[in-house]
Amino acid sequence: MTAFRRAEPAAAPPEGQPFALIGREGQRQVLTALNPAARALGLRMGQAHADARAMVPDLIGLPARPDQDRDALRRLALWAERYAPTVATCALFPGQEGLFLDMTGGAHLFGGEAALLAEMRARLAAAGVPARVAMADTLGAAWALARFAPEPETIAPPGGTREALADLPVAALRLQPAAVTLLGRFGLRRIGDLYALPRAGLARRFRGEAGLAVVERLDQALGAAGEAVDPVRPPPVYRAWMVFAEPLLDTAGVDHRLDDLARELARQLDRDGQGARRLTLTAFRVDGRAVGLSAGLSAPAARPAHLTRLLREKGLEHLDLGFGADALMLSADRAEPLAARQGEMTGERAVVAADALAALIDRLQAKLGEDAVRQPVLAESWTPERSERWIRASPEAAAVSVADDDPARPLMLFDPPEPVQTMAELPDGLPAQFVWRRVARKVARAEGPERLSAEWWRPAARPERAPRTRDYYRVEDQDGRRYWLFREGLYGREDAPPAEGEPPREPTWWLHGVFA
């Protein structure tokens, strides 16, 4: 648990000068943050700004920016992922913002719990963020000790939560000020005073939900009730770490160590038969910030060379290392089973081609953006212009092929189809001549019709464009050019009658595509 304050870009007040941030609560301006000098003069959080100026005329105030505070707290949480994969923000009360870190089984990586807390405070202090830290069995106990324990670094031994919290004020239970005041009226000022009271009787001393909140917070702090947190981002499935005694000052150093990170991550993936579907390279800067670079993969992959090449294609030069980064993390935020494929019996060339296609798609997406590389796939529709849709490119979708018995379709389709004037020997007969783009073309050969019924279940945008039956013809002119024509509508037996009051619609001819 770390307490946190936002670094204000304006000039800092003189040493010992009372200073406060001014926010709005309804129609009033109130104090939302105070420095030690302002607290020493009797000012308090939530006090009206006018009253505070009456008490301390030389109070310096700046407008509060809660959006910037939340953004700064989230950036700090991303930086804290160097210590734990699960980090959540805590901003229940203004001025008491902090972080929750799940250090289960991870403290030994930093030399033990005491060494971990000391390193955390030292790094935050070097970045200009004063903090108090604590470690306990529960989130509620860590929150209480970080803010109300005498020492800035406190560790509650395993199983010793009750003793560690007993002498702390009841405000350490994350209670609203009204509940704290009411408990004080009953003579309950320390958390230890609540231990001997029956839970039902404690809840009945309050009205509404306040009593239940006291019981719930007490049980959460003691571990009798569970408590869930919402991490700033989901913990990675796999991750590889590297810490440096001297910070890396440029991206060339990051690039030099990327291969080692990729080999370690690939070893973890290969051990479990998994392949990464999303990679994130995070650099932890010495100023308390974290910068990252993410790339998606079109298919599961665990080859180190492919992982490193993909991140380099994404652009390592875009990483802003500031004054240097002293730790790197390469994580697989999403992974899927990596199916084993047998090369020789199923065709080694096909396997190599599939891998090469996946690598090409990944590189293009890294360069152009994940949503910029798309491909058409077949869609279920009788109407040719609706028989395909565009999706994000992937090797699986690219492997889908059209059945051999599907009717021939031209490679070039016009969207929308272009109108033509056609002459035929009979109204329903084969076209003998048609005019397209002001050029008359005499038909030498024709094949058809291929009748496609109207998709009557699709609503028409306009009544005059209600769907009608189509008869498609493959025709060839005297110069050997081949076209795909269709007649929309049937003479005298139209399936979709015109709207009331409208004259019958005559069939029309259209050119839908050109064969290569």
Protein backbone atom coordinates (compact mmCIF):
# COMPACT_ATOMS: atom_id res chain seq x y z
CA MET A 1 0.00 0.00 0.00
CA THR A 2 1.51 3.35 -0.96
CA ALA A 3 0.15 6.82 -0.31
CA PHE A 4 0.40 9.13 -3.28
CA ARG A 5 0.17 12.77 -4.20
CA ARG A 6 0.07 14.41 -7.62
CA ALA A 7 3.07 16.44 -8.67
CA GLU A 8 1.78 19.94 -9.35
CA PRO A 9 3.31 21.62 -12.41
CA ALA A 10 3.02 25.07 -10.81
CA ALA A 11 5.76 26.47 -8.59
CA ALA A 12 5.86 24.90 -5.13
CA PRO A 13 4.97 27.19 -2.16
CA PRO A 14 7.80 28.39 0.12
CA GLU A 15 8.85 26.04 2.87
CA GLY A 16 6.43 26.27 5.79
CA GLN A 17 3.83 28.26 3.81
CA PRO A 18 0.26 26.86 4.15
CA PHE A 19 -0.93 25.43 0.86
CA ALA A 20 -4.16 23.71 -0.28
CA LEU A 21 -5.91 22.43 -3.37
CA ILE A 22 -9.40 23.84 -3.90
CA GLY A 23 -12.18 21.67 -5.30
CA ARG A 24 -15.93 22.01 -5.70
CA GLU A 25 -18.53 20.20 -3.62
CA GLY A 26 -21.94 21.13 -4.96
CA GLN A 27 -22.04 24.92 -4.97
CA ARG A 28 -19.23 25.30 -2.43
CA GLN A 29 -15.49 25.52 -2.82
CA VAL A 30 -13.76 23.21 -0.33
CA LEU A 31 -10.24 22.13 0.55
CA THR A 32 -9.37 18.80 -1.08
CA ALA A 33 -5.66 18.54 -0.17
CA LEU A 34 -3.44 20.21 2.47
CA ASN A 35 0.26 20.36 3.15
CA PRO A 36 1.63 19.86 6.72
CA ALA A 37 1.85 23.63 7.32
CA ALA A 38 -1.85 24.08 6.58
CA ARG A 39 -2.80 21.16 8.82
CA ALA A 40 -0.73 22.58 11.65
CA LEU A 41 -2.83 25.76 11.52
CA GLY A 42 -6.06 23.82 12.08
CA LEU A 43 -7.30 23.52 8.50
CA ARG A 44 -8.97 20.25 7.53
CA MET A 45 -10.09 18.37 4.45
CA GLY A 46 -13.58 19.29 3.23
CA GLN A 47 -13.53 22.68 4.94
CA ALA A 48 -15.08 25.58 3.03
CA HIS A 49 -12.48 27.69 1.26
CA ALA A 50 -13.99 30.90 2.59
CA ASP A 51 -13.74 29.65 6.18
CA ALA A 52 -10.16 28.52 5.63
CA ARG A 53 -9.16 31.95 4.26
CA ALA A 54 -10.79 33.58 7.28
CA MET A 55 -8.68 31.40 9.60
CA VAL A 56 -5.45 31.61 7.53
CA PRO A 57 -5.41 34.75 5.35
CA ASP A 58 -2.06 33.88 3.76
CA LEU A 59 -3.25 30.44 2.58
CA ILE A 60 -2.05 29.66 -0.94
CA GLY A 61 -4.59 27.76 -3.01
CA LEU A 62 -4.63 26.19 -6.45
CA PRO A 63 -7.57 24.56 -8.24
CA ALA A 64 -7.79 20.79 -7.80
CA ARG A 65 -7.63 18.64 -10.92
CA PRO A 66 -9.19 15.27 -10.05
CA ASP A 67 -8.84 13.97 -13.60
CA GLN A 68 -5.10 14.56 -13.51
CA ASP A 69 -4.95 12.98 -10.05
CA ARG A 70 -6.60 9.80 -11.33
CA ASP A 71 -4.33 9.70 -14.35
CA ALA A 72 -1.23 10.18 -12.21
CA LEU A 73 -2.36 7.45 -9.82
CA ARG A 74 -2.90 5.05 -12.71
CA ARG A 75 0.57 5.83 -14.11
CA LEU A 76 2.03 5.09 -10.70
CA ALA A 77 0.10 1.80 -10.61
CA LEU A 78 1.61 0.77 -13.94
CA TRP A 79 5.05 1.56 -12.58
CA ALA A 80 4.32 -0.57 -9.49
CA GLU A 81 3.86 -3.62 -11.73
CA ARG A 82 7.63 -4.01 -11.44
CA TYR A 83 6.88 -5.49 -8.00
CA ALA A 84 3.64 -7.42 -8.54
CA PRO A 85 1.54 -8.53 -11.53
CA THR A 86 -1.69 -7.40 -9.86
CA VAL A 87 -1.89 -3.72 -8.91
CA ALA A 88 -5.10 -1.83 -8.14
CA THR A 89 -5.73 1.81 -7.31
CA CYS A 90 -7.51 2.91 -4.15
CA ALA A 91 -9.13 6.36 -4.02
CA LEU A 92 -11.90 6.03 -1.45
CA PHE A 93 -11.14 9.32 0.29
CA PRO A 94 -9.63 12.50 -1.20
CA GLY A 95 -6.07 12.98 -0.10
CA GLN A 96 -5.64 9.32 0.86
CA GLU A 97 -5.15 7.79 -2.55
CA GLY A 98 -2.95 4.74 -2.76
CA LEU A 99 -2.22 1.40 -4.36
CA PHE A 100 -2.97 -2.22 -3.55
CA LEU A 101 -0.25 -4.70 -4.55
CA ASP A 102 -0.75 -8.45 -4.32
CA MET A 103 2.68 -9.66 -3.20
CA THR A 104 1.67 -13.25 -2.50
CA GLY A 105 4.79 -15.39 -2.96
CA GLY A 106 6.80 -12.54 -4.49
CA ALA A 107 8.56 -10.73 -1.65
CA HIS A 108 11.55 -13.12 -1.69
CA LEU A 109 12.43 -11.89 -5.18
CA PHE A 110 13.38 -8.54 -3.65
CA GLY A 111 15.26 -9.83 -0.61
CA GLY A 112 12.31 -10.25 1.73
CA GLU A 113 9.43 -8.12 2.94
CA ALA A 114 11.49 -5.51 4.77
CA ALA A 115 13.87 -5.07 1.84
CA LEU A 116 10.92 -4.80 -0.54
CA LEU A 117 9.24 -1.98 1.43
CA ALA A 118 12.54 -0.12 1.85
CA GLU A 119 13.28 -0.33 -1.87
CA MET A 120 9.77 0.78 -2.77
CA ARG A 121 9.92 3.87 -0.55
CA ALA A 122 13.41 4.74 -1.75
CA ARG A 123 12.46 4.56 -5.43
CA LEU A 124 9.32 6.62 -4.87
CA ALA A 125 11.23 9.23 -2.87
CA ALA A 126 13.81 9.49 -5.65
CA ALA A 127 10.95 10.16 -8.07
CA GLY A 128 9.56 12.91 -5.82
CA VAL A 129 6.66 10.85 -4.43
CA PRO A 130 6.70 10.60 -0.62
CA ALA A 131 4.96 7.45 0.53
CA ARG A 132 4.09 5.22 3.46
CA VAL A 133 4.04 1.46 2.88
CA ALA A 134 2.79 -1.54 4.79
CA MET A 135 2.40 -5.27 4.28
CA ALA A 136 -0.28 -7.41 5.92
CA ASP A 137 -2.43 -10.49 5.35
CA THR A 138 -5.42 -8.46 4.10
CA LEU A 139 -6.02 -5.38 1.99
CA GLY A 140 -7.86 -3.59 4.78
CA ALA A 141 -5.04 -4.18 7.27
CA ALA A 142 -2.41 -2.95 4.79
CA TRP A 143 -4.48 0.18 4.12
CA ALA A 144 -4.79 0.90 7.86
CA LEU A 145 -1.13 0.33 8.71
CA ALA A 146 0.14 2.38 5.76
CA ARG A 147 -1.76 5.44 6.97
CA PHE A 148 -2.06 5.16 10.74
CA ALA A 149 0.91 3.08 11.94
CA PRO A 150 3.66 5.06 13.74
CA GLU A 151 6.38 3.98 11.28
CA PRO A 152 6.34 4.71 7.54
CA GLU A 153 7.29 1.08 6.87
CA THR A 154 5.20 -1.47 8.73
CA ILE A 155 4.92 -5.25 8.43
CA ALA A 156 2.21 -7.19 10.20
CA PRO A 157 3.49 -10.74 10.79
CA PRO A 158 1.43 -13.61 9.36
CA GLY A 159 -1.45 -14.31 11.70
CA GLY A 160 -0.79 -11.14 13.71
CA THR A 161 -3.32 -8.83 12.07
CA ARG A 162 -5.52 -8.44 15.16
CA GLU A 163 -2.62 -7.35 17.35
CA ALA A 164 -1.23 -5.00 14.66
CA LEU A 165 -4.58 -3.19 14.25
CA ALA A 166 -5.74 -3.11 17.87
CA ASP A 167 -4.24 0.27 18.79
CA LEU A 168 -5.10 2.05 15.53
CA PRO A 169 -8.06 4.51 15.41
CA VAL A 170 -11.35 3.28 13.98
CA ALA A 171 -10.85 5.65 11.03
CA ALA A 172 -8.26 3.14 9.81
CA LEU A 173 -11.13 0.82 8.84
CA ARG A 174 -11.93 2.99 5.81
CA LEU A 175 -15.15 4.29 7.38
CA GLN A 176 -17.03 7.42 6.46
CA PRO A 177 -16.49 10.40 8.82
CA ALA A 178 -20.07 10.17 10.16
CA ALA A 179 -19.51 6.55 11.24
CA VAL A 180 -16.21 7.45 12.91
CA THR A 181 -17.90 10.27 14.85
CA LEU A 182 -20.74 8.02 16.00
CA LEU A 183 -18.33 5.32 17.15
CA GLY A 184 -16.48 7.96 19.17
CA ARG A 185 -19.69 8.93 20.93
CA PHE A 186 -20.07 5.32 22.05
CA GLY A 187 -16.51 5.35 23.37
CA LEU A 188 -15.24 3.14 20.56
CA ARG A 189 -12.11 4.95 19.38
CA ARG A 190 -9.68 2.11 18.74
CA ILE A 191 -10.12 -0.89 16.46
CA GLY A 192 -9.37 -3.13 19.40
CA ASP A 193 -12.45 -1.76 21.17
CA LEU A 194 -14.61 -3.44 18.52
CA TYR A 195 -13.18 -6.94 18.92
CA ALA A 196 -15.24 -7.94 21.97
CA LEU A 197 -18.55 -6.56 20.67
CA PRO A 198 -21.06 -8.95 19.07
CA ARG A 199 -21.44 -8.27 15.36
CA ALA A 200 -25.25 -8.07 15.54
CA GLY A 201 -25.17 -5.62 18.45
CA LEU A 202 -22.53 -3.50 16.71
CA ALA A 203 -24.69 -3.24 13.59
CA ARG A 204 -27.79 -2.27 15.60
CA ARG A 205 -26.05 0.76 17.11
CA PHE A 206 -26.32 2.53 13.75
CA ARG A 207 -29.14 3.44 11.43
CA GLY A 208 -29.36 2.28 7.87
CA GLU A 209 -26.30 0.75 6.23
CA ALA A 210 -23.69 2.44 8.44
CA GLY A 211 -23.71 -0.42 10.95
CA LEU A 212 -23.32 -3.04 8.23
CA ALA A 213 -20.42 -1.02 6.77
CA VAL A 214 -18.62 -1.04 10.15
CA VAL A 215 -19.02 -4.80 10.51
CA GLU A 216 -18.00 -5.43 6.88
CA ARG A 217 -14.88 -3.27 7.06
CA LEU A 218 -13.82 -4.87 10.35
CA ASP A 219 -14.28 -8.38 8.95
CA GLN A 220 -12.38 -7.47 5.79
CA ALA A 221 -9.46 -6.06 7.78
CA LEU A 222 -9.29 -9.18 9.99
CA GLY A 223 -9.65 -11.59 7.07
CA ALA A 224 -13.09 -12.92 8.07
CA ALA A 225 -14.62 -11.55 4.84
CA GLY A 226 -13.15 -11.51 1.39
CA GLU A 227 -12.50 -8.38 -0.67
CA ALA A 228 -12.03 -8.11 -4.40
CA VAL A 229 -9.98 -5.49 -6.21
CA ASP A 230 -10.07 -4.31 -9.79
CA PRO A 231 -6.50 -4.18 -11.18
CA VAL A 232 -5.54 -1.33 -13.50
CA ARG A 233 -5.01 -3.95 -16.20
CA PRO A 234 -5.36 -7.73 -16.18
CA PRO A 235 -2.24 -9.51 -14.91
CA PRO A 236 -0.14 -11.04 -17.69
CA VAL A 237 -0.36 -14.75 -18.32
CA TYR A 238 3.41 -15.06 -18.73
CA ARG A 239 6.16 -12.53 -18.17
CA ALA A 240 9.94 -12.27 -18.28
CA TRP A 241 11.90 -9.84 -16.10
CA MET A 242 15.25 -8.10 -16.28
CA VAL A 243 16.61 -5.60 -13.73
CA PHE A 244 19.73 -3.44 -14.27
CA ALA A 245 22.16 -1.96 -11.80
CA GLU A 246 22.60 1.05 -14.12
CA PRO A 247 19.63 2.45 -16.02
CA LEU A 248 19.32 2.08 -19.78
CA LEU A 249 19.51 5.55 -21.28
CA ASP A 250 18.40 4.84 -24.86
CA THR A 251 16.36 2.37 -26.85
CA ALA A 252 19.51 0.75 -28.26
CA GLY A 253 20.09 -0.76 -24.84
CA VAL A 254 16.52 -2.04 -24.77
CA ASP A 255 16.96 -3.58 -28.21
CA HIS A 256 20.19 -5.28 -27.09
CA ARG A 257 18.43 -7.05 -24.20
CA LEU A 258 15.19 -7.84 -26.02
CA ASP A 259 16.50 -11.17 -27.31
CA ASP A 260 17.16 -12.47 -23.78
CA LEU A 261 13.70 -11.44 -22.64
CA ALA A 262 12.09 -13.13 -25.65
CA ARG A 263 14.00 -16.37 -25.06
CA GLU A 264 12.89 -16.49 -21.42
CA LEU A 265 9.27 -15.74 -22.34
CA ALA A 266 9.37 -18.36 -25.12
CA ARG A 267 10.74 -20.91 -22.64
CA GLN A 268 7.75 -20.34 -20.34
CA LEU A 269 5.30 -20.55 -23.23
CA ASP A 270 6.89 -23.68 -24.68
CA ARG A 271 6.87 -25.37 -21.26
CA ASP A 272 3.05 -25.10 -21.15
CA GLY A 273 2.44 -25.64 -24.85
CA GLN A 274 1.15 -22.09 -25.26
CA GLY A 275 1.63 -19.36 -27.84
CA ALA A 276 1.42 -15.62 -27.28
CA ARG A 277 -1.46 -13.73 -28.88
CA ARG A 278 -0.59 -10.32 -27.42
CA LEU A 279 2.80 -9.01 -26.31
CA THR A 280 3.66 -6.02 -24.15
CA LEU A 281 7.14 -4.65 -23.54
CA THR A 282 7.20 -2.40 -20.46
CA ALA A 283 10.12 -0.21 -19.44
CA PHE A 284 10.15 0.99 -15.82
CA ARG A 285 11.77 4.41 -15.63
CA VAL A 286 13.82 5.77 -12.74
CA ASP A 287 11.43 8.72 -12.35
CA GLY A 288 8.56 6.45 -11.24
CA ARG A 289 6.79 6.05 -14.57
CA ALA A 290 6.28 3.09 -16.87
CA VAL A 291 6.11 3.19 -20.67
CA GLY A 292 5.07 0.29 -22.85
CA LEU A 293 4.78 -1.05 -26.36
CA SER A 294 2.10 -3.60 -27.30
CA ALA A 295 1.64 -5.77 -30.37
CA GLY A 296 -1.00 -8.32 -31.29
CA LEU A 297 -0.36 -11.61 -33.08
CA SER A 298 -2.70 -13.10 -35.65
CA ALA A 299 -1.93 -16.66 -34.49
CA PRO A 300 -0.32 -18.16 -31.36
CA ALA A 301 3.47 -17.97 -31.57
CA ALA A 302 6.34 -18.82 -29.24
CA ARG A 303 9.44 -18.42 -31.43
CA PRO A 304 11.81 -15.84 -29.88
CA ALA A 305 12.92 -14.55 -33.29
CA HIS A 306 9.33 -13.82 -34.31
CA LEU A 307 8.51 -12.11 -31.00
CA THR A 308 11.53 -9.82 -31.11
CA ARG A 309 11.09 -8.98 -34.78
CA LEU A 310 7.46 -8.07 -34.19
CA LEU A 311 8.31 -5.64 -31.37
CA ARG A 312 11.07 -4.08 -33.44
CA GLU A 313 8.64 -3.64 -36.32
CA LYS A 314 6.25 -1.97 -33.88
CA GLY A 315 8.91 0.65 -33.21
CA LEU A 316 11.21 0.45 -30.18
CA GLU A 317 12.34 3.99 -30.96
CA HIS A 318 8.96 5.24 -29.76
CA LEU A 319 9.73 4.25 -26.15
CA ASP A 320 10.33 7.39 -24.10
CA LEU A 321 12.86 6.30 -21.47
CA GLY A 322 13.20 9.74 -19.86
CA PHE A 323 16.28 9.69 -17.62
CA GLY A 324 16.62 5.93 -18.07
CA ALA A 325 14.91 2.64 -17.31
CA ASP A 326 16.24 0.26 -14.67
CA ALA A 327 13.91 -2.68 -15.38
CA LEU A 328 12.26 -4.30 -18.41
CA MET A 329 9.33 -6.69 -18.58
CA LEU A 330 8.16 -8.65 -21.61
CA SER A 331 4.73 -10.14 -20.98
CA ALA A 332 2.28 -12.30 -22.86
CA ASP A 333 -1.00 -10.64 -21.88
CA ARG A 334 -2.99 -13.24 -23.81
CA ALA A 335 -1.99 -16.76 -24.77
CA GLU A 336 -3.62 -19.71 -26.52
CA PRO A 337 -2.68 -23.38 -26.92
CA LEU A 338 -0.08 -23.87 -29.61
CA ALA A 339 -1.25 -26.81 -31.72
CA ALA A 340 1.51 -29.17 -32.75
CA ARG A 341 1.78 -29.77 -36.50
CA GLN A 342 3.51 -32.63 -38.25
CA GLY A 343 5.42 -31.35 -41.23
CA GLU A 344 6.35 -34.21 -43.53
CA MET A 345 3.11 -36.24 -43.52
CA THR A 346 0.75 -33.28 -44.00
CA GLY A 347 3.01 -31.37 -46.33
CA GLU A 348 5.95 -29.40 -45.02
CA ARG A 349 5.48 -26.63 -47.56
CA ALA A 350 1.94 -25.96 -46.34
CA VAL A 351 3.16 -25.66 -42.74
CA VAL A 352 5.97 -23.30 -43.70
CA ALA A 353 3.59 -21.23 -45.83
CA ALA A 354 1.10 -20.90 -42.95
CA ASP A 355 3.83 -19.77 -40.56
CA ALA A 356 5.16 -17.29 -43.11
CA LEU A 357 1.68 -15.89 -43.71
CA ALA A 358 1.12 -15.42 -39.96
CA ALA A 359 4.49 -13.67 -39.64
CA LEU A 360 3.67 -11.38 -42.58
CA ILE A 361 0.28 -10.44 -41.12
CA ASP A 362 1.86 -9.70 -37.74
CA ARG A 363 4.51 -7.46 -39.29
CA LEU A 364 1.99 -5.54 -41.37
CA GLN A 365 -0.24 -5.03 -38.33
CA ALA A 366 2.73 -3.86 -36.28
CA LYS A 367 3.61 -1.32 -38.95
CA LEU A 368 0.15 -0.14 -40.01
CA GLY A 369 -2.06 -0.87 -37.00
CA GLU A 370 -3.96 -3.95 -35.91
CA ASP A 371 -7.22 -2.82 -37.54
CA ALA A 372 -5.60 -1.58 -40.75
CA VAL A 373 -4.82 -5.03 -42.18
CA ARG A 374 -8.09 -6.68 -43.21
CA GLN A 375 -9.22 -9.43 -45.54
CA PRO A 376 -12.52 -10.48 -47.12
CA VAL A 377 -14.25 -13.69 -46.06
CA LEU A 378 -17.34 -15.39 -47.39
CA ALA A 379 -20.70 -14.51 -45.88
CA GLU A 380 -23.98 -16.35 -46.18
CA SER A 381 -26.06 -14.38 -48.66
CA TRP A 382 -27.74 -15.07 -51.96
CA THR A 383 -26.95 -11.58 -53.21
CA PRO A 384 -23.37 -11.45 -54.60
CA GLU A 385 -22.55 -8.00 -53.23
CA ARG A 386 -23.46 -9.22 -49.74
CA SER A 387 -21.64 -12.54 -49.95
CA GLU A 388 -18.43 -11.25 -48.39
CA ARG A 389 -17.41 -9.14 -45.42
CA TRP A 390 -14.15 -7.65 -44.20
CA ILE A 391 -12.53 -8.86 -41.00
CA ARG A 392 -9.18 -8.47 -39.26
CA ALA A 393 -6.60 -10.53 -41.12
CA SER A 394 -5.63 -13.92 -39.68
CA PRO A 395 -4.09 -17.10 -41.11
CA GLU A 396 -7.16 -19.15 -40.15
CA ALA A 397 -9.51 -16.91 -42.13
CA ALA A 398 -7.12 -16.82 -45.08
CA ALA A 399 -7.13 -20.63 -45.26
CA VAL A 400 -10.88 -20.75 -46.01
CA SER A 401 -11.44 -21.62 -49.68
CA VAL A 402 -14.45 -21.79 -51.96
CA ALA A 403 -15.83 -25.21 -52.75
CA ASP A 404 -15.06 -26.57 -56.23
CA ASP A 405 -18.73 -26.90 -57.14
CA ASP A 406 -19.51 -23.24 -56.47
CA PRO A 407 -20.64 -21.32 -59.58
CA ALA A 408 -18.04 -19.27 -61.39
CA ARG A 409 -17.77 -15.68 -60.30
CA PRO A 410 -15.75 -12.85 -61.87
CA LEU A 411 -12.68 -11.59 -60.07
CA MET A 412 -13.79 -7.99 -60.52
CA LEU A 413 -17.20 -7.00 -59.17
CA PHE A 414 -18.73 -3.54 -59.44
CA ASP A 415 -20.19 -2.13 -56.24
CA PRO A 416 -22.81 -1.03 -56.98
CA PRO A 417 -23.62 -2.77 -60.29
CA GLU A 418 -23.61 -0.48 -63.32
CA PRO A 419 -26.73 -0.06 -65.50
CA VAL A 420 -26.73 -1.27 -69.10
CA GLN A 421 -29.22 -1.22 -72.00
CA THR A 422 -29.81 -4.68 -73.41
CA MET A 423 -31.55 -6.14 -76.47
CA ALA A 424 -32.86 -9.70 -76.45
CA GLU A 425 -34.80 -11.79 -78.98
CA LEU A 426 -37.45 -12.57 -76.34
CA PRO A 427 -38.24 -10.69 -73.11
CA ASP A 428 -36.88 -13.60 -71.06
CA GLY A 429 -34.31 -14.67 -73.62
CA LEU A 430 -30.54 -14.44 -73.75
CA PRO A 431 -29.09 -10.93 -74.33
CA ALA A 432 -28.05 -10.37 -77.94
CA GLN A 433 -26.50 -6.91 -77.55
CA PHE A 434 -25.90 -4.45 -74.71
CA VAL A 435 -24.63 -0.90 -74.28
CA TRP A 436 -22.24 -0.23 -71.41
CA ARG A 437 -20.56 3.12 -70.81
CA ARG A 438 -21.88 4.38 -74.16
CA VAL A 439 -20.22 1.55 -76.13
CA ALA A 440 -22.36 -1.07 -77.91
CA ARG A 441 -21.16 -4.65 -77.54
CA LYS A 442 -22.55 -7.51 -79.63
CA VAL A 443 -22.88 -10.79 -77.75
CA ALA A 444 -21.15 -13.74 -79.40
CA ARG A 445 -21.80 -16.35 -76.71
CA ALA A 446 -24.03 -16.40 -73.65
CA GLU A 447 -24.73 -18.83 -70.83
CA GLY A 448 -27.56 -18.69 -68.33
CA PRO A 449 -29.67 -17.85 -66.62
CA GLU A 450 -28.58 -18.50 -63.01
CA ARG A 451 -31.60 -17.44 -60.98
CA LEU A 452 -31.06 -15.90 -57.54
CA SER A 453 -34.19 -15.28 -55.50
CA ALA A 454 -34.66 -12.03 -53.68
CA GLU A 455 -33.76 -11.87 -49.99
CA TRP A 456 -37.26 -10.88 -48.94
CA TRP A 457 -36.36 -10.87 -45.22
CA ARG A 458 -34.06 -7.86 -45.64
CA PRO A 459 -35.91 -4.53 -45.26
CA ALA A 460 -35.51 -2.13 -48.18
CA ALA A 461 -34.36 1.41 -47.52
CA ARG A 462 -36.86 2.69 -50.09
CA PRO A 463 -40.02 1.00 -51.42
CA GLU A 464 -38.87 1.44 -55.01
CA ARG A 465 -35.74 -0.55 -54.20
CA ALA A 466 -37.52 -3.57 -52.74
CA PRO A 467 -35.53 -6.75 -53.55
CA ARG A 468 -36.42 -8.55 -56.79
CA THR A 469 -35.44 -11.81 -58.45
CA ARG A 470 -32.24 -11.76 -60.50
CA ASP A 471 -31.30 -13.78 -63.60
CA TYR A 472 -27.51 -13.81 -64.16
CA TYR A 473 -25.84 -14.46 -67.53
CA ARG A 474 -22.19 -15.03 -68.46
CA VAL A 475 -21.71 -13.43 -71.88
CA GLU A 476 -18.80 -12.95 -74.26
CA ASP A 477 -18.62 -10.23 -76.90
CA GLN A 478 -17.09 -10.44 -80.38
CA ASP A 479 -13.70 -9.27 -79.06
CA GLY A 480 -13.50 -12.11 -76.54
CA ARG A 481 -14.27 -10.02 -73.45
CA ARG A 482 -16.46 -11.74 -70.87
CA TYR A 483 -19.04 -10.06 -68.67
CA TRP A 484 -21.46 -10.94 -65.89
CA LEU A 485 -24.89 -9.44 -66.60
CA PHE A 486 -28.10 -9.82 -64.69
CA ARG A 487 -31.72 -8.90 -65.25
CA GLU A 488 -33.45 -7.66 -62.10
CA GLY A 489 -37.15 -8.48 -62.10
CA LEU A 490 -39.37 -10.86 -64.01
CA TYR A 491 -41.68 -9.91 -66.88
CA GLY A 492 -45.30 -10.16 -65.74
CA ARG A 493 -44.65 -12.25 -62.63
CA GLU A 494 -42.63 -10.13 -60.22
CA ASP A 495 -42.28 -11.70 -56.77
CA ALA A 496 -42.25 -8.34 -54.97
CA PRO A 497 -45.29 -6.24 -56.06
CA PRO A 498 -44.89 -2.45 -56.20
CA ALA A 499 -46.11 -0.23 -53.38
CA GLU A 500 -49.71 0.88 -53.37
CA GLY A 501 -50.34 3.59 -55.94
CA GLU A 502 -47.06 2.89 -57.78
CA PRO A 503 -46.93 1.63 -61.39
CA PRO A 504 -45.49 -1.84 -62.05
CA ARG A 505 -41.72 -1.82 -62.27
CA GLU A 506 -40.19 -3.06 -65.50
CA PRO A 507 -37.17 -5.39 -65.31
CA THR A 508 -33.80 -3.64 -65.58
CA TRP A 509 -30.39 -4.86 -66.75
CA TRP A 510 -27.11 -4.41 -64.88
CA LEU A 511 -23.44 -5.27 -65.32
CA HIS A 512 -22.15 -6.80 -62.08
CA GLY A 513 -18.62 -7.88 -62.99
CA VAL A 514 -15.96 -8.58 -65.57
CA PHE A 515 -14.15 -11.91 -65.99
CA ALA A 516 -10.38 -11.83 -66.31
